[in-house]
Amino acid sequence: MDPRYEQSDEVLCSLAFSGDRTAEELLAARYSRLVRICARPYFLAGGDSEDLIQEGMIGLLSAIRGFQADKEARFGTYAEVCIRNRIRSATKAAARDKHTPLNQSLSLGTSLFEQTVENYGVDFQQCGANPEDVLICREENQARIKSMREKLSVFEKIVLDLYLDGFSYGEIALRVSRPVKSVDNAVQRIRRKAAEWFSA
């Protein structure tokens, strides 16, 4: 096995920066699931989920090429910020080209379908600049999520947890021994219940 497989993200970044294509490919493979998770909550006008994943991969590559180890940040944190920024930029650009509400960037319950970020999708601008307000927003969001989860069936909870972990519909179907259509139906029910719960 190539010894580079065992190296840290930061070491691989350094190798990639010096022109090592294998190190770059290893990092891209290592973070491909994060790209899918980041892309899930968004809608791209005139595109599909694969287009958003491609945008996320571009963000990941820019993170690999632009990471500076001396800034005292973990590569994973930096990469997630770059990926999300690239996806948001793509959805906003697509929305500007289509002046209709149906084609605007749409987050499908970021707070419900992302677990990779501590703030559960809290919009810091809406909460205010005060750290106490942000903390209150985060706690309220977590309480809403907990209450909403109680309304889900056991199967829906299992599907939601796997979905949040970045598994595709096909992977979830294999894990729960159900058809892909059953998984898709469960996700649609979860989204519908979440929309009803949060609009109440």
N, C-alpha and C. Protein backbone atom coordinates (compact mmCIF):
# COMPACT_ATOMS: atom_id res chain seq x y z
N MET A 1 0.85 -1.19 0.00
CA MET A 1 0.00 0.00 0.00
C MET A 1 0.88 1.24 0.00
N ASP A 2 0.44 2.24 -0.75
CA ASP A 2 1.17 3.51 -0.81
C ASP A 2 1.19 4.14 0.59
N PRO A 3 2.37 4.49 1.12
CA PRO A 3 2.44 5.08 2.47
C PRO A 3 1.68 6.40 2.60
N ARG A 4 1.38 7.03 1.48
CA ARG A 4 0.64 8.29 1.54
C ARG A 4 -0.78 8.12 2.06
N TYR A 5 -1.33 6.89 1.95
CA TYR A 5 -2.68 6.63 2.44
C TYR A 5 -2.79 6.89 3.94
N GLU A 6 -1.68 6.70 4.67
CA GLU A 6 -1.69 6.83 6.13
C GLU A 6 -1.38 8.24 6.60
N GLN A 7 -1.02 9.14 5.69
CA GLN A 7 -0.59 10.47 6.10
C GLN A 7 -1.76 11.38 6.40
N SER A 8 -1.49 12.41 7.21
CA SER A 8 -2.54 13.34 7.61
C SER A 8 -2.94 14.21 6.44
N ASP A 9 -4.10 14.85 6.57
CA ASP A 9 -4.59 15.76 5.54
C ASP A 9 -3.58 16.86 5.26
N GLU A 10 -3.01 17.40 6.34
CA GLU A 10 -2.09 18.52 6.19
C GLU A 10 -0.83 18.13 5.41
N VAL A 11 -0.32 16.92 5.69
CA VAL A 11 0.87 16.44 4.96
C VAL A 11 0.52 16.22 3.49
N LEU A 12 -0.66 15.64 3.23
CA LEU A 12 -1.09 15.43 1.85
C LEU A 12 -1.27 16.75 1.11
N CYS A 13 -1.76 17.76 1.81
CA CYS A 13 -1.90 19.10 1.20
C CYS A 13 -0.55 19.64 0.78
N SER A 14 0.42 19.46 1.66
CA SER A 14 1.77 19.94 1.36
C SER A 14 2.33 19.21 0.14
N LEU A 15 2.10 17.90 0.06
CA LEU A 15 2.57 17.13 -1.10
C LEU A 15 1.84 17.56 -2.37
N ALA A 16 0.52 17.79 -2.24
CA ALA A 16 -0.27 18.22 -3.40
C ALA A 16 0.21 19.59 -3.90
N PHE A 17 0.52 20.48 -2.95
CA PHE A 17 1.00 21.82 -3.31
C PHE A 17 2.31 21.75 -4.09
N SER A 18 3.12 20.73 -3.79
CA SER A 18 4.39 20.58 -4.47
C SER A 18 4.26 19.79 -5.78
N GLY A 19 3.02 19.48 -6.18
CA GLY A 19 2.79 18.85 -7.47
C GLY A 19 2.49 17.37 -7.44
N ASP A 20 2.29 16.79 -6.27
CA ASP A 20 2.00 15.36 -6.16
C ASP A 20 0.52 15.12 -6.46
N ARG A 21 0.22 14.64 -7.66
CA ARG A 21 -1.17 14.43 -8.07
C ARG A 21 -1.85 13.32 -7.27
N THR A 22 -1.09 12.30 -6.88
CA THR A 22 -1.68 11.21 -6.11
C THR A 22 -2.16 11.70 -4.75
N ALA A 23 -1.39 12.59 -4.11
CA ALA A 23 -1.80 13.16 -2.82
C ALA A 23 -3.09 13.96 -2.99
N GLU A 24 -3.19 14.70 -4.08
CA GLU A 24 -4.40 15.49 -4.36
C GLU A 24 -5.60 14.57 -4.55
N GLU A 25 -5.40 13.48 -5.29
CA GLU A 25 -6.49 12.53 -5.52
C GLU A 25 -6.91 11.83 -4.23
N LEU A 26 -5.95 11.53 -3.36
CA LEU A 26 -6.27 10.90 -2.07
C LEU A 26 -7.15 11.82 -1.22
N LEU A 27 -6.79 13.11 -1.18
CA LEU A 27 -7.60 14.06 -0.41
C LEU A 27 -8.99 14.21 -1.02
N ALA A 28 -9.06 14.26 -2.34
CA ALA A 28 -10.36 14.39 -3.00
C ALA A 28 -11.25 13.19 -2.67
N ALA A 29 -10.67 12.00 -2.67
CA ALA A 29 -11.44 10.79 -2.33
C ALA A 29 -11.85 10.80 -0.86
N ARG A 30 -10.94 11.25 0.00
CA ARG A 30 -11.18 11.28 1.44
C ARG A 30 -12.34 12.21 1.80
N TYR A 31 -12.50 13.29 1.04
CA TYR A 31 -13.52 14.30 1.36
C TYR A 31 -14.71 14.29 0.41
N SER A 32 -14.82 13.29 -0.44
CA SER A 32 -15.94 13.26 -1.39
C SER A 32 -17.29 13.13 -0.69
N ARG A 33 -17.34 12.38 0.42
CA ARG A 33 -18.61 12.25 1.16
C ARG A 33 -19.03 13.59 1.77
N LEU A 34 -18.06 14.37 2.28
CA LEU A 34 -18.37 15.69 2.82
C LEU A 34 -18.95 16.58 1.72
N VAL A 35 -18.43 16.49 0.52
CA VAL A 35 -18.95 17.28 -0.60
C VAL A 35 -20.41 16.93 -0.85
N ARG A 36 -20.74 15.63 -0.83
CA ARG A 36 -22.13 15.22 -1.05
C ARG A 36 -23.04 15.73 0.06
N ILE A 37 -22.56 15.68 1.29
CA ILE A 37 -23.36 16.16 2.42
C ILE A 37 -23.62 17.66 2.29
N CYS A 38 -22.58 18.40 1.92
CA CYS A 38 -22.72 19.86 1.79
C CYS A 38 -23.66 20.23 0.64
N ALA A 39 -23.68 19.44 -0.42
CA ALA A 39 -24.49 19.76 -1.60
C ALA A 39 -25.96 19.41 -1.42
N ARG A 40 -26.26 18.47 -0.53
CA ARG A 40 -27.63 17.95 -0.40
C ARG A 40 -28.71 18.99 -0.17
N PRO A 41 -28.52 19.95 0.72
CA PRO A 41 -29.64 20.84 1.03
C PRO A 41 -29.97 21.88 -0.04
N TYR A 42 -29.20 21.96 -1.12
CA TYR A 42 -29.36 23.05 -2.07
C TYR A 42 -29.98 22.61 -3.38
N PHE A 43 -30.58 23.60 -4.06
CA PHE A 43 -31.19 23.40 -5.37
C PHE A 43 -30.47 24.32 -6.34
N LEU A 44 -30.07 23.80 -7.48
CA LEU A 44 -29.38 24.60 -8.49
C LEU A 44 -30.30 24.81 -9.67
N ALA A 45 -30.65 26.08 -9.92
CA ALA A 45 -31.53 26.40 -11.04
C ALA A 45 -30.89 25.95 -12.34
N GLY A 46 -31.65 25.17 -13.12
CA GLY A 46 -31.15 24.70 -14.40
C GLY A 46 -30.15 23.57 -14.30
N GLY A 47 -29.96 23.02 -13.12
CA GLY A 47 -28.99 21.94 -12.94
C GLY A 47 -29.57 20.83 -12.08
N ASP A 48 -28.72 19.90 -11.69
CA ASP A 48 -29.18 18.83 -10.81
C ASP A 48 -28.16 18.62 -9.69
N SER A 49 -28.38 17.59 -8.89
CA SER A 49 -27.52 17.38 -7.72
C SER A 49 -26.08 17.10 -8.12
N GLU A 50 -25.89 16.44 -9.27
CA GLU A 50 -24.52 16.15 -9.72
C GLU A 50 -23.76 17.43 -10.04
N ASP A 51 -24.47 18.42 -10.58
CA ASP A 51 -23.83 19.72 -10.86
C ASP A 51 -23.36 20.38 -9.56
N LEU A 52 -24.18 20.28 -8.54
CA LEU A 52 -23.80 20.86 -7.25
C LEU A 52 -22.61 20.12 -6.65
N ILE A 53 -22.60 18.80 -6.80
CA ILE A 53 -21.47 18.01 -6.30
C ILE A 53 -20.19 18.42 -7.03
N GLN A 54 -20.30 18.66 -8.34
CA GLN A 54 -19.14 19.12 -9.10
C GLN A 54 -18.65 20.47 -8.59
N GLU A 55 -19.58 21.36 -8.29
CA GLU A 55 -19.19 22.66 -7.73
C GLU A 55 -18.48 22.47 -6.39
N GLY A 56 -19.03 21.55 -5.57
CA GLY A 56 -18.40 21.25 -4.29
C GLY A 56 -16.99 20.69 -4.45
N MET A 57 -16.81 19.84 -5.46
CA MET A 57 -15.47 19.28 -5.71
C MET A 57 -14.49 20.36 -6.15
N ILE A 58 -14.98 21.35 -6.90
CA ILE A 58 -14.13 22.48 -7.29
C ILE A 58 -13.71 23.24 -6.04
N GLY A 59 -14.68 23.43 -5.12
CA GLY A 59 -14.35 24.08 -3.85
C GLY A 59 -13.33 23.29 -3.06
N LEU A 60 -13.46 21.96 -3.07
CA LEU A 60 -12.49 21.10 -2.37
C LEU A 60 -11.11 21.22 -2.99
N LEU A 61 -11.03 21.21 -4.31
CA LEU A 61 -9.73 21.34 -4.97
C LEU A 61 -9.08 22.69 -4.68
N SER A 62 -9.90 23.74 -4.63
CA SER A 62 -9.32 25.05 -4.29
C SER A 62 -8.82 25.06 -2.84
N ALA A 63 -9.50 24.31 -1.96
CA ALA A 63 -9.04 24.19 -0.57
C ALA A 63 -7.71 23.45 -0.51
N ILE A 64 -7.60 22.37 -1.28
CA ILE A 64 -6.35 21.59 -1.29
C ILE A 64 -5.20 22.46 -1.77
N ARG A 65 -5.46 23.25 -2.81
CA ARG A 65 -4.39 24.05 -3.41
C ARG A 65 -4.11 25.34 -2.64
N GLY A 66 -5.07 25.77 -1.84
CA GLY A 66 -4.89 27.05 -1.14
C GLY A 66 -4.64 26.92 0.36
N PHE A 67 -4.64 25.70 0.88
CA PHE A 67 -4.47 25.51 2.33
C PHE A 67 -3.07 25.92 2.79
N GLN A 68 -3.04 26.65 3.91
CA GLN A 68 -1.78 27.07 4.50
C GLN A 68 -1.70 26.54 5.93
N ALA A 69 -0.82 25.60 6.16
CA ALA A 69 -0.73 24.93 7.46
C ALA A 69 -0.34 25.90 8.57
N ASP A 70 0.32 26.99 8.25
CA ASP A 70 0.77 27.92 9.28
C ASP A 70 -0.34 28.80 9.82
N LYS A 71 -1.57 28.67 9.30
CA LYS A 71 -2.70 29.49 9.76
C LYS A 71 -3.41 28.88 10.97
N GLU A 72 -2.91 27.77 11.47
CA GLU A 72 -3.43 27.12 12.68
C GLU A 72 -4.90 26.68 12.55
N ALA A 73 -5.28 26.25 11.36
CA ALA A 73 -6.62 25.70 11.14
C ALA A 73 -6.45 24.29 10.60
N ARG A 74 -7.36 23.40 10.99
CA ARG A 74 -7.34 22.05 10.45
C ARG A 74 -7.79 22.09 8.99
N PHE A 75 -7.23 21.20 8.19
CA PHE A 75 -7.61 21.17 6.78
C PHE A 75 -9.10 20.87 6.62
N GLY A 76 -9.62 19.94 7.43
CA GLY A 76 -11.03 19.56 7.31
C GLY A 76 -11.96 20.75 7.48
N THR A 77 -11.66 21.61 8.45
CA THR A 77 -12.47 22.80 8.69
C THR A 77 -12.39 23.75 7.51
N TYR A 78 -11.16 23.99 7.04
CA TYR A 78 -10.94 24.89 5.91
C TYR A 78 -11.63 24.35 4.65
N ALA A 79 -11.53 23.05 4.42
CA ALA A 79 -12.13 22.44 3.23
C ALA A 79 -13.65 22.59 3.26
N GLU A 80 -14.26 22.37 4.44
CA GLU A 80 -15.72 22.49 4.53
C GLU A 80 -16.18 23.89 4.20
N VAL A 81 -15.47 24.89 4.69
CA VAL A 81 -15.82 26.29 4.40
C VAL A 81 -15.71 26.55 2.89
N CYS A 82 -14.62 26.10 2.27
CA CYS A 82 -14.43 26.31 0.82
C CYS A 82 -15.52 25.62 0.01
N ILE A 83 -15.87 24.40 0.40
CA ILE A 83 -16.89 23.64 -0.32
C ILE A 83 -18.24 24.36 -0.23
N ARG A 84 -18.62 24.73 0.99
CA ARG A 84 -19.92 25.40 1.18
C ARG A 84 -19.97 26.73 0.45
N ASN A 85 -18.89 27.49 0.52
CA ASN A 85 -18.87 28.78 -0.17
C ASN A 85 -19.03 28.62 -1.67
N ARG A 86 -18.37 27.63 -2.23
CA ARG A 86 -18.47 27.40 -3.68
C ARG A 86 -19.89 27.00 -4.07
N ILE A 87 -20.51 26.13 -3.28
CA ILE A 87 -21.88 25.70 -3.58
C ILE A 87 -22.85 26.86 -3.46
N ARG A 88 -22.71 27.65 -2.40
CA ARG A 88 -23.60 28.82 -2.23
C ARG A 88 -23.43 29.80 -3.38
N SER A 89 -22.18 30.05 -3.79
CA SER A 89 -21.93 30.97 -4.91
C SER A 89 -22.60 30.46 -6.18
N ALA A 90 -22.52 29.15 -6.42
CA ALA A 90 -23.12 28.58 -7.63
C ALA A 90 -24.64 28.72 -7.61
N THR A 91 -25.26 28.46 -6.46
CA THR A 91 -26.72 28.56 -6.38
C THR A 91 -27.18 30.01 -6.51
N LYS A 92 -26.43 30.93 -5.91
CA LYS A 92 -26.79 32.35 -6.03
C LYS A 92 -26.63 32.85 -7.46
N ALA A 93 -25.56 32.43 -8.13
CA ALA A 93 -25.34 32.84 -9.52
C ALA A 93 -26.45 32.30 -10.41
N ALA A 94 -26.86 31.06 -10.19
CA ALA A 94 -27.93 30.47 -10.99
C ALA A 94 -29.26 31.18 -10.73
N ALA A 95 -29.49 31.58 -9.48
CA ALA A 95 -30.74 32.26 -9.14
C ALA A 95 -30.81 33.64 -9.77
N ARG A 96 -29.68 34.31 -9.91
CA ARG A 96 -29.68 35.64 -10.53
C ARG A 96 -30.07 35.57 -12.00
N ASP A 97 -29.71 34.46 -12.65
CA ASP A 97 -30.01 34.31 -14.07
C ASP A 97 -31.48 33.98 -14.33
N LYS A 98 -32.16 33.47 -13.36
CA LYS A 98 -33.57 33.11 -13.50
C LYS A 98 -34.36 33.91 -12.47
N HIS A 99 -35.14 34.85 -12.92
CA HIS A 99 -35.84 35.73 -11.99
C HIS A 99 -37.22 35.17 -11.66
N THR A 100 -37.20 34.00 -11.06
CA THR A 100 -38.45 33.39 -10.63
C THR A 100 -38.22 32.69 -9.30
N PRO A 101 -39.17 32.76 -8.39
CA PRO A 101 -38.99 32.16 -7.06
C PRO A 101 -38.67 30.67 -7.09
N LEU A 102 -39.16 29.96 -8.11
CA LEU A 102 -38.89 28.53 -8.19
C LEU A 102 -37.43 28.22 -8.46
N ASN A 103 -36.70 29.18 -9.02
CA ASN A 103 -35.31 28.92 -9.38
C ASN A 103 -34.33 29.61 -8.45
N GLN A 104 -34.79 29.99 -7.29
CA GLN A 104 -33.87 30.57 -6.33
C GLN A 104 -33.20 29.45 -5.54
N SER A 105 -32.02 29.79 -4.98
CA SER A 105 -31.31 28.82 -4.14
C SER A 105 -32.24 28.39 -3.02
N LEU A 106 -32.36 27.11 -2.81
CA LEU A 106 -33.30 26.59 -1.83
C LEU A 106 -32.60 25.61 -0.92
N SER A 107 -32.60 25.92 0.35
CA SER A 107 -32.06 24.99 1.32
C SER A 107 -33.21 24.16 1.87
N LEU A 108 -33.14 22.84 1.72
CA LEU A 108 -34.21 21.97 2.18
C LEU A 108 -34.01 21.64 3.65
N GLY A 109 -34.24 22.63 4.49
CA GLY A 109 -34.11 22.40 5.92
C GLY A 109 -32.69 22.11 6.32
N THR A 110 -31.80 23.05 6.07
CA THR A 110 -30.39 22.85 6.41
C THR A 110 -30.23 22.35 7.83
N SER A 111 -31.02 22.91 8.74
CA SER A 111 -30.87 22.54 10.13
C SER A 111 -31.24 21.07 10.38
N LEU A 112 -32.05 20.48 9.47
CA LEU A 112 -32.46 19.10 9.66
C LEU A 112 -31.60 18.12 8.88
N PHE A 113 -30.97 18.56 7.81
CA PHE A 113 -30.28 17.65 6.94
C PHE A 113 -28.78 17.84 6.94
N GLU A 114 -28.25 18.50 7.95
CA GLU A 114 -26.81 18.62 8.10
C GLU A 114 -26.45 18.36 9.55
N GLN A 115 -25.49 17.48 9.77
CA GLN A 115 -24.99 17.26 11.12
C GLN A 115 -23.49 17.46 11.17
N THR A 116 -22.91 17.93 10.08
CA THR A 116 -21.46 18.04 10.04
C THR A 116 -20.98 19.34 10.67
N VAL A 117 -21.89 20.27 10.94
CA VAL A 117 -21.51 21.56 11.50
C VAL A 117 -22.20 21.72 12.84
N GLU A 118 -21.46 22.22 13.82
CA GLU A 118 -22.00 22.35 15.18
C GLU A 118 -23.25 23.20 15.24
N ASN A 119 -23.33 24.22 14.39
CA ASN A 119 -24.44 25.17 14.53
C ASN A 119 -25.73 24.69 13.87
N TYR A 120 -25.76 23.47 13.29
CA TYR A 120 -26.96 22.93 12.67
C TYR A 120 -27.59 23.91 11.70
N GLY A 121 -26.77 24.61 10.93
CA GLY A 121 -27.29 25.48 9.88
C GLY A 121 -27.84 26.79 10.38
N VAL A 122 -27.50 27.20 11.60
CA VAL A 122 -27.98 28.48 12.12
C VAL A 122 -27.41 29.60 11.26
N ASP A 123 -28.27 30.53 10.84
CA ASP A 123 -27.83 31.69 10.08
C ASP A 123 -27.37 32.75 11.07
N PHE A 124 -26.06 32.93 11.18
CA PHE A 124 -25.52 33.84 12.18
C PHE A 124 -25.96 35.28 11.94
N GLN A 125 -26.23 35.65 10.69
CA GLN A 125 -26.66 37.02 10.41
C GLN A 125 -28.04 37.27 10.97
N GLN A 126 -28.91 36.27 10.91
CA GLN A 126 -30.25 36.44 11.46
C GLN A 126 -30.23 36.44 12.99
N CYS A 127 -29.32 35.70 13.57
CA CYS A 127 -29.25 35.62 15.03
C CYS A 127 -28.65 36.88 15.64
N GLY A 128 -27.84 37.58 14.86
CA GLY A 128 -27.16 38.77 15.38
C GLY A 128 -25.70 38.47 15.64
N ALA A 129 -24.96 39.51 15.91
CA ALA A 129 -23.51 39.36 16.09
C ALA A 129 -23.16 38.90 17.51
N ASN A 130 -24.08 39.05 18.43
CA ASN A 130 -23.83 38.70 19.82
C ASN A 130 -23.70 37.19 19.98
N PRO A 131 -22.59 36.70 20.55
CA PRO A 131 -22.42 35.25 20.72
C PRO A 131 -23.54 34.60 21.53
N GLU A 132 -24.11 35.34 22.49
CA GLU A 132 -25.21 34.77 23.28
C GLU A 132 -26.44 34.52 22.41
N ASP A 133 -26.72 35.45 21.47
CA ASP A 133 -27.86 35.27 20.57
C ASP A 133 -27.65 34.06 19.66
N VAL A 134 -26.41 33.89 19.19
CA VAL A 134 -26.09 32.75 18.34
C VAL A 134 -26.31 31.45 19.11
N LEU A 135 -25.85 31.42 20.36
CA LEU A 135 -26.01 30.22 21.19
C LEU A 135 -27.49 29.92 21.43
N ILE A 136 -28.28 30.96 21.67
CA ILE A 136 -29.73 30.77 21.87
C ILE A 136 -30.37 30.22 20.60
N CYS A 137 -29.98 30.77 19.43
CA CYS A 137 -30.49 30.27 18.14
C CYS A 137 -30.17 28.79 17.98
N ARG A 138 -28.93 28.45 18.29
CA ARG A 138 -28.48 27.06 18.14
C ARG A 138 -29.29 26.14 19.05
N GLU A 139 -29.48 26.54 20.31
CA GLU A 139 -30.23 25.70 21.26
C GLU A 139 -31.69 25.56 20.84
N GLU A 140 -32.29 26.66 20.34
CA GLU A 140 -33.68 26.59 19.89
C GLU A 140 -33.81 25.65 18.69
N ASN A 141 -32.84 25.73 17.78
CA ASN A 141 -32.84 24.86 16.61
C ASN A 141 -32.74 23.39 17.02
N GLN A 142 -31.84 23.10 17.96
CA GLN A 142 -31.66 21.73 18.41
C GLN A 142 -32.92 21.21 19.09
N ALA A 143 -33.61 22.08 19.85
CA ALA A 143 -34.85 21.67 20.51
C ALA A 143 -35.93 21.37 19.48
N ARG A 144 -36.01 22.19 18.42
CA ARG A 144 -37.00 21.95 17.35
C ARG A 144 -36.71 20.63 16.65
N ILE A 145 -35.42 20.38 16.40
CA ILE A 145 -35.04 19.13 15.72
C ILE A 145 -35.43 17.93 16.57
N LYS A 146 -35.16 18.01 17.89
CA LYS A 146 -35.48 16.91 18.79
C LYS A 146 -36.98 16.66 18.80
N SER A 147 -37.78 17.73 18.88
CA SER A 147 -39.24 17.58 18.88
C SER A 147 -39.74 16.99 17.58
N MET A 148 -39.17 17.46 16.46
CA MET A 148 -39.59 16.96 15.16
C MET A 148 -39.26 15.48 15.01
N ARG A 149 -38.08 15.06 15.51
CA ARG A 149 -37.67 13.66 15.39
C ARG A 149 -38.65 12.73 16.09
N GLU A 150 -39.29 13.22 17.16
CA GLU A 150 -40.25 12.39 17.89
C GLU A 150 -41.47 12.06 17.04
N LYS A 151 -41.72 12.85 16.00
CA LYS A 151 -42.88 12.62 15.12
C LYS A 151 -42.57 11.61 14.01
N LEU A 152 -41.30 11.20 13.90
CA LEU A 152 -40.91 10.27 12.84
C LEU A 152 -41.09 8.82 13.28
N SER A 153 -41.35 7.97 12.30
CA SER A 153 -41.41 6.54 12.60
C SER A 153 -39.99 6.02 12.82
N VAL A 154 -39.87 4.81 13.34
CA VAL A 154 -38.56 4.21 13.58
C VAL A 154 -37.78 4.12 12.27
N PHE A 155 -38.45 3.68 11.21
CA PHE A 155 -37.79 3.56 9.90
C PHE A 155 -37.31 4.92 9.41
N GLU A 156 -38.15 5.94 9.57
CA GLU A 156 -37.78 7.30 9.12
C GLU A 156 -36.58 7.82 9.90
N LYS A 157 -36.52 7.52 11.19
CA LYS A 157 -35.36 7.95 11.99
C LYS A 157 -34.07 7.29 11.50
N ILE A 158 -34.15 6.00 11.20
CA ILE A 158 -32.97 5.28 10.70
C ILE A 158 -32.53 5.87 9.37
N VAL A 159 -33.49 6.10 8.46
CA VAL A 159 -33.17 6.67 7.15
C VAL A 159 -32.57 8.06 7.31
N LEU A 160 -33.15 8.87 8.19
CA LEU A 160 -32.64 10.23 8.41
C LEU A 160 -31.21 10.20 8.90
N ASP A 161 -30.91 9.34 9.87
CA ASP A 161 -29.55 9.26 10.41
C ASP A 161 -28.55 8.85 9.34
N LEU A 162 -28.91 7.87 8.52
CA LEU A 162 -28.00 7.43 7.45
C LEU A 162 -27.85 8.52 6.39
N TYR A 163 -28.94 9.19 6.08
CA TYR A 163 -28.93 10.28 5.10
C TYR A 163 -28.01 11.41 5.57
N LEU A 164 -28.11 11.74 6.86
CA LEU A 164 -27.26 12.80 7.43
C LEU A 164 -25.79 12.39 7.45
N ASP A 165 -25.54 11.09 7.51
CA ASP A 165 -24.16 10.60 7.49
C ASP A 165 -23.57 10.57 6.08
N GLY A 166 -24.38 10.99 5.09
CA GLY A 166 -23.86 11.11 3.74
C GLY A 166 -24.07 9.90 2.84
N PHE A 167 -24.85 8.93 3.29
CA PHE A 167 -25.09 7.75 2.46
C PHE A 167 -26.09 8.08 1.35
N SER A 168 -25.88 7.50 0.18
CA SER A 168 -26.80 7.68 -0.95
C SER A 168 -28.05 6.82 -0.70
N TYR A 169 -29.08 7.06 -1.50
CA TYR A 169 -30.31 6.27 -1.37
C TYR A 169 -30.00 4.78 -1.55
N GLY A 170 -29.16 4.46 -2.54
CA GLY A 170 -28.80 3.07 -2.79
C GLY A 170 -28.10 2.43 -1.61
N GLU A 171 -27.16 3.17 -1.00
CA GLU A 171 -26.43 2.65 0.16
C GLU A 171 -27.36 2.45 1.36
N ILE A 172 -28.29 3.39 1.54
CA ILE A 172 -29.25 3.26 2.64
C ILE A 172 -30.14 2.03 2.41
N ALA A 173 -30.59 1.86 1.16
CA ALA A 173 -31.46 0.72 0.84
C ALA A 173 -30.76 -0.60 1.17
N LEU A 174 -29.48 -0.70 0.88
CA LEU A 174 -28.74 -1.93 1.20
C LEU A 174 -28.65 -2.14 2.70
N ARG A 175 -28.43 -1.06 3.44
CA ARG A 175 -28.26 -1.18 4.90
C ARG A 175 -29.57 -1.55 5.60
N VAL A 176 -30.69 -1.06 5.09
CA VAL A 176 -31.97 -1.33 5.76
C VAL A 176 -32.75 -2.46 5.08
N SER A 177 -32.17 -3.04 4.03
CA SER A 177 -32.80 -4.16 3.30
C SER A 177 -34.19 -3.80 2.79
N ARG A 178 -34.28 -2.63 2.19
CA ARG A 178 -35.53 -2.17 1.58
C ARG A 178 -35.23 -1.67 0.18
N PRO A 179 -36.25 -1.57 -0.69
CA PRO A 179 -36.03 -1.02 -2.03
C PRO A 179 -35.65 0.47 -1.96
N VAL A 180 -34.95 0.93 -2.98
CA VAL A 180 -34.55 2.34 -3.05
C VAL A 180 -35.79 3.23 -3.01
N LYS A 181 -36.88 2.80 -3.65
CA LYS A 181 -38.11 3.59 -3.67
C LYS A 181 -38.64 3.81 -2.26
N SER A 182 -38.54 2.81 -1.39
CA SER A 182 -38.99 2.97 0.00
C SER A 182 -38.17 4.01 0.73
N VAL A 183 -36.86 4.01 0.46
CA VAL A 183 -35.98 5.01 1.08
C VAL A 183 -36.33 6.40 0.58
N ASP A 184 -36.53 6.53 -0.74
CA ASP A 184 -36.90 7.83 -1.31
C ASP A 184 -38.22 8.32 -0.72
N ASN A 185 -39.20 7.44 -0.60
CA ASN A 185 -40.48 7.82 -0.01
C ASN A 185 -40.31 8.29 1.43
N ALA A 186 -39.44 7.60 2.19
CA ALA A 186 -39.20 7.98 3.59
C ALA A 186 -38.58 9.37 3.67
N VAL A 187 -37.60 9.64 2.79
CA VAL A 187 -36.96 10.97 2.80
C VAL A 187 -37.98 12.05 2.46
N GLN A 188 -38.86 11.78 1.49
CA GLN A 188 -39.87 12.77 1.11
C GLN A 188 -40.85 13.01 2.27
N ARG A 189 -41.21 11.95 3.00
CA ARG A 189 -42.09 12.11 4.16
C ARG A 189 -41.41 12.94 5.24
N ILE A 190 -40.11 12.68 5.46
CA ILE A 190 -39.35 13.43 6.47
C ILE A 190 -39.33 14.91 6.10
N ARG A 191 -39.05 15.20 4.83
CA ARG A 191 -39.02 16.60 4.39
C ARG A 191 -40.37 17.27 4.57
N ARG A 192 -41.45 16.55 4.23
CA ARG A 192 -42.78 17.10 4.35
C ARG A 192 -43.11 17.38 5.82
N LYS A 193 -42.80 16.41 6.70
CA LYS A 193 -43.06 16.60 8.13
C LYS A 193 -42.23 17.76 8.68
N ALA A 194 -40.98 17.86 8.23
CA ALA A 194 -40.10 18.93 8.70
C ALA A 194 -40.66 20.29 8.28
N ALA A 195 -41.11 20.38 7.03
CA ALA A 195 -41.66 21.65 6.53
C ALA A 195 -42.90 22.04 7.33
N GLU A 196 -43.76 21.06 7.60
CA GLU A 196 -44.98 21.34 8.38
C GLU A 196 -44.62 21.75 9.81
N TRP A 197 -43.66 21.04 10.40
CA TRP A 197 -43.28 21.30 11.79
C TRP A 197 -42.68 22.69 11.96
N PHE A 198 -41.81 23.08 11.03
CA PHE A 198 -41.12 24.36 11.16
C PHE A 198 -41.95 25.54 10.71
N SER A 199 -43.02 25.28 9.94
CA SER A 199 -43.89 26.39 9.51
C SER A 199 -45.04 26.60 10.49
N ALA A 200 -45.19 25.68 11.43
CA ALA A 200 -46.29 25.77 12.41
C ALA A 200 -46.04 26.89 13.41
